[in-house]
Structure formats: structure tokens, C-alpha cells
Amino acid sequence: MRRTERALGAWTWLVLLFLYLPLAVLVAYSFNASRLNVVWQGFTLDWYAAVVRDGVLMRALANSLVVATATTVLAVAIGTSAAWLLHRHRFPGGALLDTLLLVPMVVPEVILGVSLLLLFVALRLDLGFATVVIAHVTFCVPFVLLLVRARLADLDPALEEAALDLGATPAGAFRRVLLPYLAPAIAAGALLSFTLSLDELIVTAFTAGAASRTLPLEVFGRVKKGLDPSLNAVSTLFVVAAIVLVAGHELLLRRRGRVVA
């Protein structure tokens, strides 16, 4: 058993090394003074300054933040509402509806992007921020729905019944009892939606217009022209932001756990 545990531990570290070594190399070379990423010529912060001075890159970043924020708000609202309705009510065709809600999670992104583009063309919608947000909400809602429904599956019905017996209205019971209970799942869904939207490339390529070009599209277009060290700096900033968001989420959950205890 001890040998097996050691072997599994070593395998786990190898998998983590395989996943994070490319990120470590990217972060290291974002401080490389050379324009050739394969040659180290000293430490510098010039590429981070170049990112700030790059107006096109900053506009693309602003577009990504606007799209990701709007997507997160809408996906959380729609996903939480859908999870609550499916949890509370049973109706004919519910199993089919559950399946249809999860289809965007498994459909290839190329097919999803093409189908959304055809829909927007059929509806005569101009490609822009609205179409990008609609597309991102389409594949983010199922993730929020799954997280909230998993939390609702462990919900004790006595909590809501007690609140109603004490004089709370159904809306008040939902706001004061159920919503705080669902807060960890909602926060996880919001974090996941924001990250997925900020990172999305393929679906955005089919649904974005010239004025709604996001950062992944801009980075992908520049990479095809050649390696740009400033892109290493942008990627490093995204890695740091992701770590901060995840750490903040975990810290909030731990503090909430201490308060409840």
C-alpha cells in the first residue's frame, strides 16, 4: 500500500508539472529582455509597459471585460432561476428539458459558433457586443445551472418551511434563507462564467464584429504573425488575475464556513 501511495503521489506531481510547466515558462519569459523568447538576455519590465501603451490591446482587453461582466450577470441570473424552477416544479418533458439545457456544454465550439452565426444572420442582427454576450451566455448558463442544482440537491426543505412558519413571505424566505445557502454555488458559477467568457476564442470569432474584438481574438491574430513578447506579459497578467480570483473565492468560502460554524 505504501508503494502504491508513493507511486500515485509521484504520478500526481508529474501531471501537475505537465500542466503548469508551460505556464511557468511563459511567466519567466514575460520578463525576458530579448525579443526572441528562446534566448534569455536579462530581466526587464519593458513588455508590461508596452502592454499599457498598446491602445489596440487595451481596447480589446476592455471589450473582453465588458463582455465577461455582462455574460456573468446574465448567466448567473438565468442559470440560478432555471435551477430553482427545475428543483421546485415537476412537469411533463422535464427530463428532455434537462438534456437540452446541457447540450451547449458538450457541443463542439465550432458547431456552436456556426449555429449561432446562422441564427443571428436569420434574425438580421448585426454582429457586435450583443451577439457576443448572447453567445457566451448560451454556453455559460449550463455551468451555473449544474452548480446551483447540485447545491439545491442537499437543501433541507425544513429551512424554507421554518422561515415561512415564522412569517416570512416566499420572496423573503428565498432572499434571506435560500439565497445565502446558494451563495457558494452562485459565486462558483459566476467565477466560472467570467473565466470562460474571458477566455473564449472560437465562438467569439463567429459572433464578434469589428468593434467588439476581444482580447483572445487580438492575441490569436498577433500570434499568427509571429511571437510577440508583450503577449507573454498579457498572459502572465491573466494567470495572476485567475489565481487572485480563485484564492479570493476560497478565502470567502472559508470565512463563511467559520461564521456558520
C-alpha atoms as a PDB file:
ATOM      1  CA  MET A   1       0.000   0.000   0.000  1.00  0.00           C
ATOM      2  CA  ARG A   2       2.831   2.401   0.849  1.00  0.00           C
ATOM      3  CA  ARG A   3       4.500   1.803  -2.509  1.00  0.00           C
ATOM      4  CA  THR A   4       1.193   2.331  -4.280  1.00  0.00           C
ATOM      5  CA  GLU A   5       0.622   5.607  -2.440  1.00  0.00           C
ATOM      6  CA  ARG A   6       4.116   6.796  -3.336  1.00  0.00           C
ATOM      7  CA  ALA A   7       3.619   5.857  -6.981  1.00  0.00           C
ATOM      8  CA  LEU A   8       0.271   7.668  -7.116  1.00  0.00           C
ATOM      9  CA  GLY A   9       1.812  10.701  -5.432  1.00  0.00           C
ATOM     10  CA  ALA A  10       4.691  10.764  -7.908  1.00  0.00           C
ATOM     11  CA  TRP A  11       2.249  10.439 -10.817  1.00  0.00           C
ATOM     12  CA  THR A  12       0.179  13.316  -9.442  1.00  0.00           C
ATOM     13  CA  TRP A  13       3.245  15.560  -9.264  1.00  0.00           C
ATOM     14  CA  LEU A  14       4.178  14.612 -12.833  1.00  0.00           C
ATOM     15  CA  VAL A  15       0.690  15.556 -14.038  1.00  0.00           C
ATOM     16  CA  LEU A  16       0.865  18.886 -12.206  1.00  0.00           C
ATOM     17  CA  LEU A  17       4.314  19.527 -13.672  1.00  0.00           C
ATOM     18  CA  PHE A  18       2.994  18.754 -17.150  1.00  0.00           C
ATOM     19  CA  LEU A  19       0.105  21.201 -16.646  1.00  0.00           C
ATOM     20  CA  TYR A  20       1.949  24.077 -15.017  1.00  0.00           C
ATOM     21  CA  LEU A  21       5.439  23.952 -16.530  1.00  0.00           C
ATOM     22  CA  PRO A  22       4.314  25.774 -19.730  1.00  0.00           C
ATOM     23  CA  LEU A  23       2.730  28.497 -17.579  1.00  0.00           C
ATOM     24  CA  ALA A  24       5.933  28.830 -15.553  1.00  0.00           C
ATOM     25  CA  VAL A  25       7.989  29.195 -18.748  1.00  0.00           C
ATOM     26  CA  LEU A  26       5.544  31.806 -20.082  1.00  0.00           C
ATOM     27  CA  VAL A  27       5.730  33.843 -16.861  1.00  0.00           C
ATOM     28  CA  ALA A  28       9.524  33.645 -16.793  1.00  0.00           C
ATOM     29  CA  TYR A  29       9.928  34.810 -20.399  1.00  0.00           C
ATOM     30  CA  SER A  30       7.499  37.693 -19.890  1.00  0.00           C
ATOM     31  CA  PHE A  31      10.466  39.280 -18.044  1.00  0.00           C
ATOM     32  CA  ASN A  32      12.974  38.432 -20.792  1.00  0.00           C
ATOM     33  CA  ALA A  33      14.703  41.439 -22.373  1.00  0.00           C
ATOM     34  CA  SER A  34      15.089  39.622 -25.686  1.00  0.00           C
ATOM     35  CA  ARG A  35      12.506  39.690 -28.454  1.00  0.00           C
ATOM     36  CA  LEU A  36      13.382  36.040 -29.096  1.00  0.00           C
ATOM     37  CA  ASN A  37      11.628  34.008 -26.431  1.00  0.00           C
ATOM     38  CA  VAL A  38      14.126  31.170 -26.720  1.00  0.00           C
ATOM     39  CA  VAL A  39      17.098  33.375 -25.789  1.00  0.00           C
ATOM     40  CA  TRP A  40      17.428  34.846 -22.293  1.00  0.00           C
ATOM     41  CA  GLN A  41      19.102  38.271 -22.304  1.00  0.00           C
ATOM     42  CA  GLY A  42      18.277  39.648 -18.886  1.00  0.00           C
ATOM     43  CA  PHE A  43      15.424  40.827 -16.686  1.00  0.00           C
ATOM     44  CA  THR A  44      13.096  43.626 -17.822  1.00  0.00           C
ATOM     45  CA  LEU A  45       9.624  45.054 -17.277  1.00  0.00           C
ATOM     46  CA  ASP A  46       9.513  46.706 -20.700  1.00  0.00           C
ATOM     47  CA  TRP A  47       6.955  44.278 -22.098  1.00  0.00           C
ATOM     48  CA  TYR A  48       4.479  45.128 -19.341  1.00  0.00           C
ATOM     49  CA  ALA A  49       4.953  48.810 -20.116  1.00  0.00           C
ATOM     50  CA  ALA A  50       4.440  48.013 -23.809  1.00  0.00           C
ATOM     51  CA  VAL A  51       1.102  46.386 -22.978  1.00  0.00           C
ATOM     52  CA  VAL A  52      -0.100  49.534 -21.204  1.00  0.00           C
ATOM     53  CA  ARG A  53       0.980  51.711 -24.133  1.00  0.00           C
ATOM     54  CA  ASP A  54      -0.671  49.462 -26.732  1.00  0.00           C
ATOM     55  CA  GLY A  55      -4.010  51.139 -27.391  1.00  0.00           C
ATOM     56  CA  VAL A  56      -5.391  48.336 -29.574  1.00  0.00           C
ATOM     57  CA  LEU A  57      -4.547  45.699 -26.980  1.00  0.00           C
ATOM     58  CA  MET A  58      -6.062  47.752 -24.151  1.00  0.00           C
ATOM     59  CA  ARG A  59      -9.283  48.302 -26.117  1.00  0.00           C
ATOM     60  CA  ALA A  60      -9.509  44.569 -26.742  1.00  0.00           C
ATOM     61  CA  LEU A  61      -8.995  43.969 -23.010  1.00  0.00           C
ATOM     62  CA  ALA A  62     -11.737  46.481 -22.171  1.00  0.00           C
ATOM     63  CA  ASN A  63     -14.065  44.747 -24.643  1.00  0.00           C
ATOM     64  CA  SER A  64     -13.329  41.378 -23.026  1.00  0.00           C
ATOM     65  CA  LEU A  65     -14.044  42.727 -19.546  1.00  0.00           C
ATOM     66  CA  VAL A  66     -17.339  44.289 -20.683  1.00  0.00           C
ATOM     67  CA  VAL A  67     -18.445  41.056 -22.386  1.00  0.00           C
ATOM     68  CA  ALA A  68     -17.345  38.859 -19.476  1.00  0.00           C
ATOM     69  CA  THR A  69     -19.097  41.039 -16.897  1.00  0.00           C
ATOM     70  CA  ALA A  70     -22.365  41.157 -18.849  1.00  0.00           C
ATOM     71  CA  THR A  71     -22.166  37.417 -19.504  1.00  0.00           C
ATOM     72  CA  THR A  72     -21.580  36.666 -15.829  1.00  0.00           C
ATOM     73  CA  VAL A  73     -24.560  38.725 -14.656  1.00  0.00           C
ATOM     74  CA  LEU A  74     -26.953  37.238 -17.205  1.00  0.00           C
ATOM     75  CA  ALA A  75     -25.685  33.665 -16.867  1.00  0.00           C
ATOM     76  CA  VAL A  76     -25.957  33.738 -13.073  1.00  0.00           C
ATOM     77  CA  ALA A  77     -29.466  35.216 -13.184  1.00  0.00           C
ATOM     78  CA  ILE A  78     -30.748  32.790 -15.825  1.00  0.00           C
ATOM     79  CA  GLY A  79     -28.919  29.724 -14.511  1.00  0.00           C
ATOM     80  CA  THR A  80     -29.950  30.270 -10.880  1.00  0.00           C
ATOM     81  CA  SER A  81     -33.587  30.917 -11.828  1.00  0.00           C
ATOM     82  CA  ALA A  82     -33.705  27.845 -14.079  1.00  0.00           C
ATOM     83  CA  ALA A  83     -32.126  25.640 -11.400  1.00  0.00           C
ATOM     84  CA  TRP A  84     -34.629  26.838  -8.810  1.00  0.00           C
ATOM     85  CA  LEU A  85     -37.626  26.288 -11.084  1.00  0.00           C
ATOM     86  CA  LEU A  86     -36.468  22.815 -12.119  1.00  0.00           C
ATOM     87  CA  HIS A  87     -35.845  21.946  -8.470  1.00  0.00           C
ATOM     88  CA  ARG A  88     -39.241  23.128  -7.245  1.00  0.00           C
ATOM     89  CA  HIS A  89     -41.522  22.052 -10.084  1.00  0.00           C
ATOM     90  CA  ARG A  90     -42.090  18.794 -11.916  1.00  0.00           C
ATOM     91  CA  PHE A  91     -43.767  18.867 -15.323  1.00  0.00           C
ATOM     92  CA  PRO A  92     -44.030  16.719 -18.466  1.00  0.00           C
ATOM     93  CA  GLY A  93     -40.900  16.866 -20.587  1.00  0.00           C
ATOM     94  CA  GLY A  94     -38.702  17.872 -17.662  1.00  0.00           C
ATOM     95  CA  ALA A  95     -36.092  15.213 -18.441  1.00  0.00           C
ATOM     96  CA  LEU A  96     -35.928  16.353 -22.059  1.00  0.00           C
ATOM     97  CA  LEU A  97     -35.524  19.952 -20.914  1.00  0.00           C
ATOM     98  CA  ASP A  98     -32.678  18.939 -18.608  1.00  0.00           C
ATOM     99  CA  THR A  99     -30.902  17.322 -21.536  1.00  0.00           C
ATOM    100  CA  LEU A 100     -31.417  20.301 -23.821  1.00  0.00           C
ATOM    101  CA  LEU A 101     -30.068  22.686 -21.190  1.00  0.00           C
ATOM    102  CA  LEU A 102     -26.815  20.720 -21.001  1.00  0.00           C
ATOM    103  CA  VAL A 103     -26.301  20.330 -24.761  1.00  0.00           C
ATOM    104  CA  PRO A 104     -24.228  23.560 -25.116  1.00  0.00           C
ATOM    105  CA  MET A 105     -21.671  22.051 -22.722  1.00  0.00           C
ATOM    106  CA  VAL A 106     -20.913  19.082 -24.991  1.00  0.00           C
ATOM    107  CA  VAL A 107     -21.470  20.511 -28.469  1.00  0.00           C
ATOM    108  CA  PRO A 108     -18.134  21.365 -30.168  1.00  0.00           C
ATOM    109  CA  GLU A 109     -17.415  25.076 -30.061  1.00  0.00           C
ATOM    110  CA  VAL A 110     -17.112  25.308 -33.850  1.00  0.00           C
ATOM    111  CA  ILE A 111     -20.619  23.895 -34.300  1.00  0.00           C
ATOM    112  CA  LEU A 112     -21.975  26.177 -31.585  1.00  0.00           C
ATOM    113  CA  GLY A 113     -20.334  29.214 -33.172  1.00  0.00           C
ATOM    114  CA  VAL A 114     -21.615  28.398 -36.674  1.00  0.00           C
ATOM    115  CA  SER A 115     -25.154  27.721 -35.443  1.00  0.00           C
ATOM    116  CA  LEU A 116     -25.262  30.992 -33.506  1.00  0.00           C
ATOM    117  CA  LEU A 117     -23.927  32.891 -36.501  1.00  0.00           C
ATOM    118  CA  LEU A 118     -26.647  31.393 -38.709  1.00  0.00           C
ATOM    119  CA  LEU A 119     -29.256  32.349 -36.117  1.00  0.00           C
ATOM    120  CA  PHE A 120     -28.052  35.944 -35.932  1.00  0.00           C
ATOM    121  CA  VAL A 121     -27.989  36.202 -39.722  1.00  0.00           C
ATOM    122  CA  ALA A 122     -31.520  34.782 -39.925  1.00  0.00           C
ATOM    123  CA  LEU A 123     -32.690  37.317 -37.332  1.00  0.00           C
ATOM    124  CA  ARG A 124     -30.772  40.069 -39.164  1.00  0.00           C
ATOM    125  CA  LEU A 125     -28.798  41.021 -36.070  1.00  0.00           C
ATOM    126  CA  ASP A 126     -25.621  42.991 -36.623  1.00  0.00           C
ATOM    127  CA  LEU A 127     -22.587  41.295 -35.103  1.00  0.00           C
ATOM    128  CA  GLY A 128     -21.355  43.201 -32.078  1.00  0.00           C
ATOM    129  CA  PHE A 129     -21.319  43.184 -28.295  1.00  0.00           C
ATOM    130  CA  ALA A 130     -24.921  41.957 -28.057  1.00  0.00           C
ATOM    131  CA  THR A 131     -24.314  38.894 -30.215  1.00  0.00           C
ATOM    132  CA  VAL A 132     -21.089  38.040 -28.395  1.00  0.00           C
ATOM    133  CA  VAL A 133     -22.817  38.287 -24.999  1.00  0.00           C
ATOM    134  CA  ILE A 134     -25.734  36.141 -26.194  1.00  0.00           C
ATOM    135  CA  ALA A 135     -23.299  33.532 -27.488  1.00  0.00           C
ATOM    136  CA  HIS A 136     -21.294  33.476 -24.261  1.00  0.00           C
ATOM    137  CA  VAL A 137     -24.403  33.289 -22.092  1.00  0.00           C
ATOM    138  CA  THR A 138     -25.535  30.285 -24.156  1.00  0.00           C
ATOM    139  CA  PHE A 139     -22.622  28.115 -23.048  1.00  0.00           C
ATOM    140  CA  CYS A 140     -22.189  29.620 -19.566  1.00  0.00           C
ATOM    141  CA  VAL A 141     -25.753  29.088 -18.308  1.00  0.00           C
ATOM    142  CA  PRO A 142     -25.445  25.258 -18.161  1.00  0.00           C
ATOM    143  CA  PHE A 143     -22.403  25.507 -15.869  1.00  0.00           C
ATOM    144  CA  VAL A 144     -24.236  27.794 -13.444  1.00  0.00           C
ATOM    145  CA  LEU A 145     -27.298  25.558 -13.649  1.00  0.00           C
ATOM    146  CA  LEU A 146     -25.324  22.444 -12.725  1.00  0.00           C
ATOM    147  CA  LEU A 147     -23.559  24.084  -9.792  1.00  0.00           C
ATOM    148  CA  VAL A 148     -26.734  25.567  -8.311  1.00  0.00           C
ATOM    149  CA  ARG A 149     -28.753  22.370  -8.811  1.00  0.00           C
ATOM    150  CA  ALA A 150     -26.033  20.373  -7.063  1.00  0.00           C
ATOM    151  CA  ARG A 151     -26.319  22.735  -4.108  1.00  0.00           C
ATOM    152  CA  LEU A 152     -30.115  22.545  -4.162  1.00  0.00           C
ATOM    153  CA  ALA A 153     -29.959  18.746  -4.072  1.00  0.00           C
ATOM    154  CA  ASP A 154     -28.606  18.959  -0.495  1.00  0.00           C
ATOM    155  CA  LEU A 155     -31.125  21.595   0.580  1.00  0.00           C
ATOM    156  CA  ASP A 156     -33.173  20.747   3.666  1.00  0.00           C
ATOM    157  CA  PRO A 157     -36.828  21.687   2.906  1.00  0.00           C
ATOM    158  CA  ALA A 158     -37.288  22.426   6.605  1.00  0.00           C
ATOM    159  CA  LEU A 159     -35.238  25.623   6.231  1.00  0.00           C
ATOM    160  CA  GLU A 160     -37.745  27.260   3.911  1.00  0.00           C
ATOM    161  CA  GLU A 161     -40.698  25.855   5.840  1.00  0.00           C
ATOM    162  CA  ALA A 162     -39.340  27.280   9.081  1.00  0.00           C
ATOM    163  CA  ALA A 163     -38.908  30.709   7.513  1.00  0.00           C
ATOM    164  CA  LEU A 164     -42.493  30.633   6.215  1.00  0.00           C
ATOM    165  CA  ASP A 165     -43.815  29.498   9.590  1.00  0.00           C
ATOM    166  CA  LEU A 166     -42.035  32.441  11.220  1.00  0.00           C
ATOM    167  CA  GLY A 167     -43.898  34.893   8.993  1.00  0.00           C
ATOM    168  CA  ALA A 168     -41.590  35.339   6.020  1.00  0.00           C
ATOM    169  CA  THR A 169     -43.118  35.684   2.585  1.00  0.00           C
ATOM    170  CA  PRO A 170     -41.965  33.236  -0.144  1.00  0.00           C
ATOM    171  CA  ALA A 171     -39.841  36.003  -1.658  1.00  0.00           C
ATOM    172  CA  GLY A 172     -38.445  36.911   1.772  1.00  0.00           C
ATOM    173  CA  ALA A 173     -37.624  33.286   2.553  1.00  0.00           C
ATOM    174  CA  PHE A 174     -35.809  32.962  -0.749  1.00  0.00           C
ATOM    175  CA  ARG A 175     -33.848  36.184  -0.196  1.00  0.00           C
ATOM    176  CA  ARG A 176     -32.934  35.648   3.473  1.00  0.00           C
ATOM    177  CA  VAL A 177     -32.608  31.863   3.734  1.00  0.00           C
ATOM    178  CA  LEU A 178     -32.175  30.184   0.372  1.00  0.00           C
ATOM    179  CA  LEU A 179     -30.057  32.794  -1.370  1.00  0.00           C
ATOM    180  CA  PRO A 180     -27.352  32.797   1.357  1.00  0.00           C
ATOM    181  CA  TYR A 181     -27.405  28.996   1.259  1.00  0.00           C
ATOM    182  CA  LEU A 182     -26.892  29.048  -2.510  1.00  0.00           C
ATOM    183  CA  ALA A 183     -24.253  31.797  -2.362  1.00  0.00           C
ATOM    184  CA  PRO A 184     -21.196  29.465  -2.672  1.00  0.00           C
ATOM    185  CA  ALA A 185     -22.640  27.766  -5.766  1.00  0.00           C
ATOM    186  CA  ILE A 186     -23.668  31.099  -7.274  1.00  0.00           C
ATOM    187  CA  ALA A 187     -20.208  32.549  -6.612  1.00  0.00           C
ATOM    188  CA  ALA A 188     -18.575  29.493  -8.189  1.00  0.00           C
ATOM    189  CA  GLY A 189     -20.868  29.785 -11.208  1.00  0.00           C
ATOM    190  CA  ALA A 190     -20.105  33.484 -11.557  1.00  0.00           C
ATOM    191  CA  LEU A 191     -16.350  32.872 -11.345  1.00  0.00           C
ATOM    192  CA  LEU A 192     -16.561  30.059 -13.888  1.00  0.00           C
ATOM    193  CA  SER A 193     -18.733  32.108 -16.260  1.00  0.00           C
ATOM    194  CA  PHE A 194     -16.399  35.096 -16.074  1.00  0.00           C
ATOM    195  CA  THR A 195     -13.363  32.918 -16.757  1.00  0.00           C
ATOM    196  CA  LEU A 196     -14.971  31.020 -19.640  1.00  0.00           C
ATOM    197  CA  SER A 197     -16.203  34.222 -21.258  1.00  0.00           C
ATOM    198  CA  LEU A 198     -12.873  35.993 -20.857  1.00  0.00           C
ATOM    199  CA  ASP A 199     -11.041  33.040 -22.405  1.00  0.00           C
ATOM    200  CA  GLU A 200     -13.424  32.168 -25.253  1.00  0.00           C
ATOM    201  CA  LEU A 201     -11.966  32.340 -28.762  1.00  0.00           C
ATOM    202  CA  ILE A 202     -13.777  30.079 -31.235  1.00  0.00           C
ATOM    203  CA  VAL A 203     -17.382  31.086 -30.549  1.00  0.00           C
ATOM    204  CA  THR A 204     -16.348  34.738 -30.323  1.00  0.00           C
ATOM    205  CA  ALA A 205     -14.651  34.534 -33.718  1.00  0.00           C
ATOM    206  CA  PHE A 206     -18.003  33.633 -35.303  1.00  0.00           C
ATOM    207  CA  THR A 207     -20.163  36.146 -33.409  1.00  0.00           C
ATOM    208  CA  ALA A 208     -17.999  39.262 -32.896  1.00  0.00           C
ATOM    209  CA  GLY A 209     -17.935  42.356 -35.066  1.00  0.00           C
ATOM    210  CA  ALA A 210     -15.084  44.714 -35.821  1.00  0.00           C
ATOM    211  CA  ALA A 211     -15.906  46.988 -32.871  1.00  0.00           C
ATOM    212  CA  SER A 212     -16.343  44.103 -30.423  1.00  0.00           C
ATOM    213  CA  ARG A 213     -12.964  42.424 -30.946  1.00  0.00           C
ATOM    214  CA  THR A 214     -11.970  40.774 -27.680  1.00  0.00           C
ATOM    215  CA  LEU A 215      -8.529  40.114 -26.239  1.00  0.00           C
ATOM    216  CA  PRO A 216      -8.364  36.405 -27.230  1.00  0.00           C
ATOM    217  CA  LEU A 217      -9.104  37.372 -30.840  1.00  0.00           C
ATOM    218  CA  GLU A 218      -6.432  40.082 -30.769  1.00  0.00           C
ATOM    219  CA  VAL A 219      -3.858  37.765 -29.204  1.00  0.00           C
ATOM    220  CA  PHE A 220      -4.622  34.978 -31.682  1.00  0.00           C
ATOM    221  CA  GLY A 221      -4.288  37.377 -34.608  1.00  0.00           C
ATOM    222  CA  ARG A 222      -0.898  38.603 -33.384  1.00  0.00           C
ATOM    223  CA  VAL A 223       0.436  35.126 -32.674  1.00  0.00           C
ATOM    224  CA  LYS A 224      -0.200  34.128 -36.280  1.00  0.00           C
ATOM    225  CA  LYS A 225       2.086  36.980 -37.365  1.00  0.00           C
ATOM    226  CA  GLY A 226       4.905  35.920 -35.044  1.00  0.00           C
ATOM    227  CA  LEU A 227       5.901  35.730 -31.388  1.00  0.00           C
ATOM    228  CA  ASP A 228       5.401  39.000 -29.529  1.00  0.00           C
ATOM    229  CA  PRO A 229       6.939  39.215 -26.009  1.00  0.00           C
ATOM    230  CA  SER A 230       4.190  41.618 -24.916  1.00  0.00           C
ATOM    231  CA  LEU A 231       1.733  38.740 -25.314  1.00  0.00           C
ATOM    232  CA  ASN A 232       3.690  36.864 -22.645  1.00  0.00           C
ATOM    233  CA  ALA A 233       3.110  39.807 -20.331  1.00  0.00           C
ATOM    234  CA  VAL A 234      -0.625  39.875 -21.093  1.00  0.00           C
ATOM    235  CA  SER A 235      -0.887  36.137 -20.484  1.00  0.00           C
ATOM    236  CA  THR A 236       1.004  36.473 -17.206  1.00  0.00           C
ATOM    237  CA  LEU A 237      -1.405  39.154 -16.032  1.00  0.00           C
ATOM    238  CA  PHE A 238      -4.303  36.832 -16.821  1.00  0.00           C
ATOM    239  CA  VAL A 239      -2.669  33.976 -14.905  1.00  0.00           C
ATOM    240  CA  VAL A 240      -2.149  36.221 -11.880  1.00  0.00           C
ATOM    241  CA  ALA A 241      -5.738  37.504 -12.097  1.00  0.00           C
ATOM    242  CA  ALA A 242      -7.067  33.930 -12.233  1.00  0.00           C
ATOM    243  CA  ILE A 243      -5.011  32.948  -9.189  1.00  0.00           C
ATOM    244  CA  VAL A 244      -6.246  36.001  -7.267  1.00  0.00           C
ATOM    245  CA  LEU A 245      -9.889  35.281  -8.147  1.00  0.00           C
ATOM    246  CA  VAL A 246      -9.662  31.629  -7.141  1.00  0.00           C
ATOM    247  CA  ALA A 247      -7.798  32.460  -3.926  1.00  0.00           C
ATOM    248  CA  GLY A 248     -10.344  35.147  -3.085  1.00  0.00           C
ATOM    249  CA  HIS A 249     -13.201  32.723  -3.693  1.00  0.00           C
ATOM    250  CA  GLU A 250     -11.619  30.099  -1.443  1.00  0.00           C
ATOM    251  CA  LEU A 251     -10.967  32.699   1.265  1.00  0.00           C
ATOM    252  CA  LEU A 252     -14.598  33.808   1.196  1.00  0.00           C
ATOM    253  CA  LEU A 253     -15.784  30.205   1.463  1.00  0.00           C
ATOM    254  CA  ARG A 254     -13.513  29.548   4.449  1.00  0.00           C
ATOM    255  CA  ARG A 255     -14.625  32.698   6.233  1.00  0.00           C
ATOM    256  CA  ARG A 256     -18.247  31.797   5.562  1.00  0.00           C
ATOM    257  CA  GLY A 257     -17.583  28.317   6.944  1.00  0.00           C
ATOM    258  CA  ARG A 258     -16.141  29.789  10.156  1.00  0.00           C
ATOM    259  CA  VAL A 259     -19.157  32.099  10.554  1.00  0.00           C
ATOM    260  CA  VAL A 260     -21.609  29.244  10.071  1.00  0.00           C
ATOM    261  CA  ALA A 261     -19.648  27.055  12.498  1.00  0.00           C
END
